[in-house]
Amino acid sequence: MTETPRWTASSYSSGDGGQCVEWAPAHALATGEFLVRDSKVQNGPHLTLSRESFAGLVALARARG
């Protein structure tokens, strides 16, 4: 059975309940898969990204932040 990931809010999230992205750092460390989801839809789908794709997402957030 797969454990439920522990989600952490991104440091680039707005913090006002608006545009929040969460990721699962322990899952990434254990598997190399970077899970990302919308914090407002906690029971909804998530994206599974490679290390390179996740790095690109972080770079985009930094550039627009």
PDB file of N, CA and C in Angstrom:
ATOM      1  N   MET A   1       0.836  -1.188   0.000  1.00  0.00           N
ATOM      2  CA  MET A   1       0.000   0.000   0.000  1.00  0.00           C
ATOM      3  C   MET A   1       0.878   1.247   0.000  1.00  0.00           C
ATOM      4  N   THR A   2       0.511   2.229  -0.799  1.00  0.00           N
ATOM      5  CA  THR A   2       1.264   3.471  -0.896  1.00  0.00           C
ATOM      6  C   THR A   2       0.833   4.433   0.200  1.00  0.00           C
ATOM      7  N   GLU A   3       1.806   5.042   0.861  1.00  0.00           N
ATOM      8  CA  GLU A   3       1.484   6.026   1.892  1.00  0.00           C
ATOM      9  C   GLU A   3       1.004   7.323   1.261  1.00  0.00           C
ATOM     10  N   THR A   4       0.145   8.016   1.977  1.00  0.00           N
ATOM     11  CA  THR A   4      -0.315   9.328   1.531  1.00  0.00           C
ATOM     12  C   THR A   4       0.832  10.313   1.708  1.00  0.00           C
ATOM     13  N   PRO A   5       1.162  11.068   0.661  1.00  0.00           N
ATOM     14  CA  PRO A   5       2.269  12.021   0.785  1.00  0.00           C
ATOM     15  C   PRO A   5       1.962  13.124   1.797  1.00  0.00           C
ATOM     16  N   ARG A   6       2.989  13.625   2.426  1.00  0.00           N
ATOM     17  CA  ARG A   6       2.858  14.801   3.301  1.00  0.00           C
ATOM     18  C   ARG A   6       3.141  16.022   2.445  1.00  0.00           C
ATOM     19  N   TRP A   7       2.154  16.876   2.346  1.00  0.00           N
ATOM     20  CA  TRP A   7       2.237  18.035   1.478  1.00  0.00           C
ATOM     21  C   TRP A   7       2.743  19.248   2.238  1.00  0.00           C
ATOM     22  N   THR A   8       3.528  20.073   1.557  1.00  0.00           N
ATOM     23  CA  THR A   8       4.103  21.297   2.112  1.00  0.00           C
ATOM     24  C   THR A   8       3.806  22.439   1.157  1.00  0.00           C
ATOM     25  N   ALA A   9       3.366  23.570   1.702  1.00  0.00           N
ATOM     26  CA  ALA A   9       3.097  24.739   0.859  1.00  0.00           C
ATOM     27  C   ALA A   9       4.416  25.281   0.318  1.00  0.00           C
ATOM     28  N   SER A  10       4.396  25.667  -0.925  1.00  0.00           N
ATOM     29  CA  SER A  10       5.567  26.262  -1.548  1.00  0.00           C
ATOM     30  C   SER A  10       5.869  27.605  -0.901  1.00  0.00           C
ATOM     31  N   SER A  11       7.141  27.929  -0.784  1.00  0.00           N
ATOM     32  CA  SER A  11       7.524  29.235  -0.244  1.00  0.00           C
ATOM     33  C   SER A  11       7.160  30.351  -1.212  1.00  0.00           C
ATOM     34  N   TYR A  12       6.799  30.004  -2.449  1.00  0.00           N
ATOM     35  CA  TYR A  12       6.400  30.999  -3.445  1.00  0.00           C
ATOM     36  C   TYR A  12       4.888  31.196  -3.496  1.00  0.00           C
ATOM     37  N   SER A  13       4.152  30.486  -2.641  1.00  0.00           N
ATOM     38  CA  SER A  13       2.705  30.644  -2.618  1.00  0.00           C
ATOM     39  C   SER A  13       2.355  31.999  -2.040  1.00  0.00           C
ATOM     40  N   SER A  14       1.207  32.511  -2.434  1.00  0.00           N
ATOM     41  CA  SER A  14       0.820  33.864  -2.039  1.00  0.00           C
ATOM     42  C   SER A  14       0.529  33.992  -0.552  1.00  0.00           C
ATOM     43  N   GLY A  15       0.103  32.908   0.098  1.00  0.00           N
ATOM     44  CA  GLY A  15      -0.163  32.963   1.528  1.00  0.00           C
ATOM     45  C   GLY A  15      -1.500  33.585   1.892  1.00  0.00           C
ATOM     46  N   ASP A  16      -2.251  34.064   0.911  1.00  0.00           N
ATOM     47  CA  ASP A  16      -3.542  34.694   1.188  1.00  0.00           C
ATOM     48  C   ASP A  16      -4.708  33.784   0.834  1.00  0.00           C
ATOM     49  N   GLY A  17      -4.434  32.505   0.659  1.00  0.00           N
ATOM     50  CA  GLY A  17      -5.487  31.571   0.301  1.00  0.00           C
ATOM     51  C   GLY A  17      -5.799  31.571  -1.187  1.00  0.00           C
ATOM     52  N   GLY A  18      -5.034  32.317  -1.947  1.00  0.00           N
ATOM     53  CA  GLY A  18      -5.274  32.408  -3.383  1.00  0.00           C
ATOM     54  C   GLY A  18      -4.467  31.392  -4.156  1.00  0.00           C
ATOM     55  N   GLN A  19      -3.364  31.824  -4.705  1.00  0.00           N
ATOM     56  CA  GLN A  19      -2.557  30.975  -5.577  1.00  0.00           C
ATOM     57  C   GLN A  19      -1.537  30.181  -4.759  1.00  0.00           C
ATOM     58  N   CYS A  20      -1.944  29.019  -4.286  1.00  0.00           N
ATOM     59  CA  CYS A  20      -1.055  28.185  -3.480  1.00  0.00           C
ATOM     60  C   CYS A  20      -0.757  26.866  -4.183  1.00  0.00           C
ATOM     61  N   VAL A  21       0.499  26.532  -4.165  1.00  0.00           N
ATOM     62  CA  VAL A  21       0.960  25.263  -4.714  1.00  0.00           C
ATOM     63  C   VAL A  21       1.617  24.504  -3.571  1.00  0.00           C
ATOM     64  N   GLU A  22       1.331  23.219  -3.500  1.00  0.00           N
ATOM     65  CA  GLU A  22       1.953  22.370  -2.494  1.00  0.00           C
ATOM     66  C   GLU A  22       2.755  21.279  -3.197  1.00  0.00           C
ATOM     67  N   TRP A  23       3.778  20.788  -2.512  1.00  0.00           N
ATOM     68  CA  TRP A  23       4.568  19.692  -3.050  1.00  0.00           C
ATOM     69  C   TRP A  23       4.878  18.736  -1.907  1.00  0.00           C
ATOM     70  N   ALA A  24       5.370  17.556  -2.255  1.00  0.00           N
ATOM     71  CA  ALA A  24       5.638  16.502  -1.273  1.00  0.00           C
ATOM     72  C   ALA A  24       7.133  16.210  -1.235  1.00  0.00           C
ATOM     73  N   PRO A  25       7.894  16.962  -0.421  1.00  0.00           N
ATOM     74  CA  PRO A  25       9.358  16.817  -0.423  1.00  0.00           C
ATOM     75  C   PRO A  25       9.867  15.435  -0.003  1.00  0.00           C
ATOM     76  N   ALA A  26       9.240  14.806   0.982  1.00  0.00           N
ATOM     77  CA  ALA A  26       9.714  13.477   1.413  1.00  0.00           C
ATOM     78  C   ALA A  26       9.510  12.443   0.300  1.00  0.00           C
ATOM     79  N   HIS A  27       8.416  12.571  -0.435  1.00  0.00           N
ATOM     80  CA  HIS A  27       8.164  11.669  -1.562  1.00  0.00           C
ATOM     81  C   HIS A  27       9.234  11.876  -2.638  1.00  0.00           C
ATOM     82  N   ALA A  28       9.561  13.129  -2.897  1.00  0.00           N
ATOM     83  CA  ALA A  28      10.590  13.427  -3.900  1.00  0.00           C
ATOM     84  C   ALA A  28      11.934  12.830  -3.492  1.00  0.00           C
ATOM     85  N   LEU A  29      12.275  12.966  -2.236  1.00  0.00           N
ATOM     86  CA  LEU A  29      13.542  12.428  -1.741  1.00  0.00           C
ATOM     87  C   LEU A  29      13.579  10.902  -1.854  1.00  0.00           C
ATOM     88  N   ALA A  30      12.467  10.265  -1.542  1.00  0.00           N
ATOM     89  CA  ALA A  30      12.419   8.800  -1.550  1.00  0.00           C
ATOM     90  C   ALA A  30      12.330   8.199  -2.950  1.00  0.00           C
ATOM     91  N   THR A  31      11.665   8.904  -3.886  1.00  0.00           N
ATOM     92  CA  THR A  31      11.371   8.288  -5.183  1.00  0.00           C
ATOM     93  C   THR A  31      11.952   9.012  -6.394  1.00  0.00           C
ATOM     94  N   GLY A  32      12.302  10.289  -6.221  1.00  0.00           N
ATOM     95  CA  GLY A  32      12.743  11.080  -7.367  1.00  0.00           C
ATOM     96  C   GLY A  32      11.582  11.668  -8.150  1.00  0.00           C
ATOM     97  N   GLU A  33      10.347  11.402  -7.719  1.00  0.00           N
ATOM     98  CA  GLU A  33       9.151  11.973  -8.331  1.00  0.00           C
ATOM     99  C   GLU A  33       8.716  13.192  -7.523  1.00  0.00           C
ATOM    100  N   PHE A  34       8.490  14.292  -8.211  1.00  0.00           N
ATOM    101  CA  PHE A  34       8.085  15.522  -7.547  1.00  0.00           C
ATOM    102  C   PHE A  34       6.588  15.711  -7.745  1.00  0.00           C
ATOM    103  N   LEU A  35       5.826  15.528  -6.662  1.00  0.00           N
ATOM    104  CA  LEU A  35       4.379  15.672  -6.710  1.00  0.00           C
ATOM    105  C   LEU A  35       4.016  17.121  -6.401  1.00  0.00           C
ATOM    106  N   VAL A  36       3.106  17.688  -7.211  1.00  0.00           N
ATOM    107  CA  VAL A  36       2.685  19.079  -7.060  1.00  0.00           C
ATOM    108  C   VAL A  36       1.165  19.116  -7.167  1.00  0.00           C
ATOM    109  N   ARG A  37       0.514  19.913  -6.309  1.00  0.00           N
ATOM    110  CA  ARG A  37      -0.942  20.038  -6.361  1.00  0.00           C
ATOM    111  C   ARG A  37      -1.380  21.443  -5.989  1.00  0.00           C
ATOM    112  N   ASP A  38      -2.617  21.730  -6.286  1.00  0.00           N
ATOM    113  CA  ASP A  38      -3.268  22.980  -5.904  1.00  0.00           C
ATOM    114  C   ASP A  38      -3.757  22.807  -4.470  1.00  0.00           C
ATOM    115  N   SER A  39      -3.359  23.692  -3.570  1.00  0.00           N
ATOM    116  CA  SER A  39      -3.729  23.539  -2.164  1.00  0.00           C
ATOM    117  C   SER A  39      -5.228  23.687  -1.934  1.00  0.00           C
ATOM    118  N   LYS A  40      -5.938  24.324  -2.849  1.00  0.00           N
ATOM    119  CA  LYS A  40      -7.383  24.501  -2.697  1.00  0.00           C
ATOM    120  C   LYS A  40      -8.157  23.244  -3.082  1.00  0.00           C
ATOM    121  N   VAL A  41      -7.511  22.297  -3.751  1.00  0.00           N
ATOM    122  CA  VAL A  41      -8.167  21.068  -4.208  1.00  0.00           C
ATOM    123  C   VAL A  41      -7.379  19.877  -3.653  1.00  0.00           C
ATOM    124  N   GLN A  42      -7.376  19.753  -2.343  1.00  0.00           N
ATOM    125  CA  GLN A  42      -6.523  18.767  -1.694  1.00  0.00           C
ATOM    126  C   GLN A  42      -6.868  17.322  -2.035  1.00  0.00           C
ATOM    127  N   ASN A  43      -8.098  17.037  -2.371  1.00  0.00           N
ATOM    128  CA  ASN A  43      -8.473  15.678  -2.758  1.00  0.00           C
ATOM    129  C   ASN A  43      -8.509  15.507  -4.268  1.00  0.00           C
ATOM    130  N   GLY A  44      -8.047  16.514  -4.975  1.00  0.00           N
ATOM    131  CA  GLY A  44      -8.040  16.472  -6.430  1.00  0.00           C
ATOM    132  C   GLY A  44      -6.767  15.846  -6.965  1.00  0.00           C
ATOM    133  N   PRO A  45      -6.554  15.996  -8.247  1.00  0.00           N
ATOM    134  CA  PRO A  45      -5.376  15.399  -8.878  1.00  0.00           C
ATOM    135  C   PRO A  45      -4.096  16.152  -8.527  1.00  0.00           C
ATOM    136  N   HIS A  46      -2.991  15.514  -8.811  1.00  0.00           N
ATOM    137  CA  HIS A  46      -1.686  16.163  -8.659  1.00  0.00           C
ATOM    138  C   HIS A  46      -0.859  15.880  -9.903  1.00  0.00           C
ATOM    139  N   LEU A  47       0.152  16.681 -10.085  1.00  0.00           N
ATOM    140  CA  LEU A  47       1.107  16.453 -11.164  1.00  0.00           C
ATOM    141  C   LEU A  47       2.281  15.659 -10.614  1.00  0.00           C
ATOM    142  N   THR A  48       2.844  14.799 -11.430  1.00  0.00           N
ATOM    143  CA  THR A  48       4.075  14.095 -11.087  1.00  0.00           C
ATOM    144  C   THR A  48       5.135  14.581 -12.055  1.00  0.00           C
ATOM    145  N   LEU A  49       6.141  15.275 -11.523  1.00  0.00           N
ATOM    146  CA  LEU A  49       7.167  15.900 -12.351  1.00  0.00           C
ATOM    147  C   LEU A  49       8.527  15.248 -12.135  1.00  0.00           C
ATOM    148  N   SER A  50       9.352  15.312 -13.155  1.00  0.00           N
ATOM    149  CA  SER A  50      10.746  14.901 -13.017  1.00  0.00           C
ATOM    150  C   SER A  50      11.501  16.008 -12.273  1.00  0.00           C
ATOM    151  N   ARG A  51      12.704  15.700 -11.861  1.00  0.00           N
ATOM    152  CA  ARG A  51      13.539  16.709 -11.192  1.00  0.00           C
ATOM    153  C   ARG A  51      13.732  17.937 -12.081  1.00  0.00           C
ATOM    154  N   GLU A  52      13.967  17.693 -13.357  1.00  0.00           N
ATOM    155  CA  GLU A  52      14.198  18.798 -14.299  1.00  0.00           C
ATOM    156  C   GLU A  52      12.945  19.651 -14.480  1.00  0.00           C
ATOM    157  N   SER A  53      11.789  18.993 -14.589  1.00  0.00           N
ATOM    158  CA  SER A  53      10.535  19.734 -14.748  1.00  0.00           C
ATOM    159  C   SER A  53      10.204  20.536 -13.499  1.00  0.00           C
ATOM    160  N   PHE A  54      10.447  19.949 -12.328  1.00  0.00           N
ATOM    161  CA  PHE A  54      10.194  20.671 -11.084  1.00  0.00           C
ATOM    162  C   PHE A  54      11.116  21.887 -10.977  1.00  0.00           C
ATOM    163  N   ALA A  55      12.373  21.719 -11.359  1.00  0.00           N
ATOM    164  CA  ALA A  55      13.317  22.837 -11.339  1.00  0.00           C
ATOM    165  C   ALA A  55      12.839  23.952 -12.269  1.00  0.00           C
ATOM    166  N   GLY A  56      12.286  23.597 -13.430  1.00  0.00           N
ATOM    167  CA  GLY A  56      11.739  24.585 -14.338  1.00  0.00           C
ATOM    168  C   GLY A  56      10.558  25.325 -13.746  1.00  0.00           C
ATOM    169  N   LEU A  57       9.689  24.604 -13.030  1.00  0.00           N
ATOM    170  CA  LEU A  57       8.545  25.227 -12.363  1.00  0.00           C
ATOM    171  C   LEU A  57       9.006  26.215 -11.292  1.00  0.00           C
ATOM    172  N   VAL A  58       9.995  25.830 -10.525  1.00  0.00           N
ATOM    173  CA  VAL A  58      10.541  26.721  -9.485  1.00  0.00           C
ATOM    174  C   VAL A  58      11.169  27.957 -10.142  1.00  0.00           C
ATOM    175  N   ALA A  59      11.915  27.768 -11.223  1.00  0.00           N
ATOM    176  CA  ALA A  59      12.526  28.902 -11.919  1.00  0.00           C
ATOM    177  C   ALA A  59      11.461  29.859 -12.440  1.00  0.00           C
ATOM    178  N   LEU A  60      10.363  29.333 -12.951  1.00  0.00           N
ATOM    179  CA  LEU A  60       9.257  30.169 -13.421  1.00  0.00           C
ATOM    180  C   LEU A  60       8.639  30.956 -12.272  1.00  0.00           C
ATOM    181  N   ALA A  61       8.427  30.301 -11.145  1.00  0.00           N
ATOM    182  CA  ALA A  61       7.865  30.986  -9.984  1.00  0.00           C
ATOM    183  C   ALA A  61       8.788  32.108  -9.499  1.00  0.00           C
ATOM    184  N   ARG A  62      10.066  31.848  -9.489  1.00  0.00           N
ATOM    185  CA  ARG A  62      11.017  32.885  -9.065  1.00  0.00           C
ATOM    186  C   ARG A  62      11.001  34.063 -10.019  1.00  0.00           C
ATOM    187  N   ALA A  63      10.934  33.789 -11.310  1.00  0.00           N
ATOM    188  CA  ALA A  63      10.967  34.865 -12.329  1.00  0.00           C
ATOM    189  C   ALA A  63       9.715  35.736 -12.270  1.00  0.00           C
ATOM    190  N   ARG A  64       8.592  35.132 -11.895  1.00  0.00           N
ATOM    191  CA  ARG A  64       7.320  35.876 -11.848  1.00  0.00           C
ATOM    192  C   ARG A  64       6.993  36.407 -10.475  1.00  0.00           C
ATOM    193  N   GLY A  65       7.769  35.987  -9.466  1.00  0.00           N
ATOM    194  CA  GLY A  65       7.470  36.363  -8.086  1.00  0.00           C
ATOM    195  C   GLY A  65       7.898  37.717  -7.769  1.00  0.00           C
TER     196      GLY A  65
END
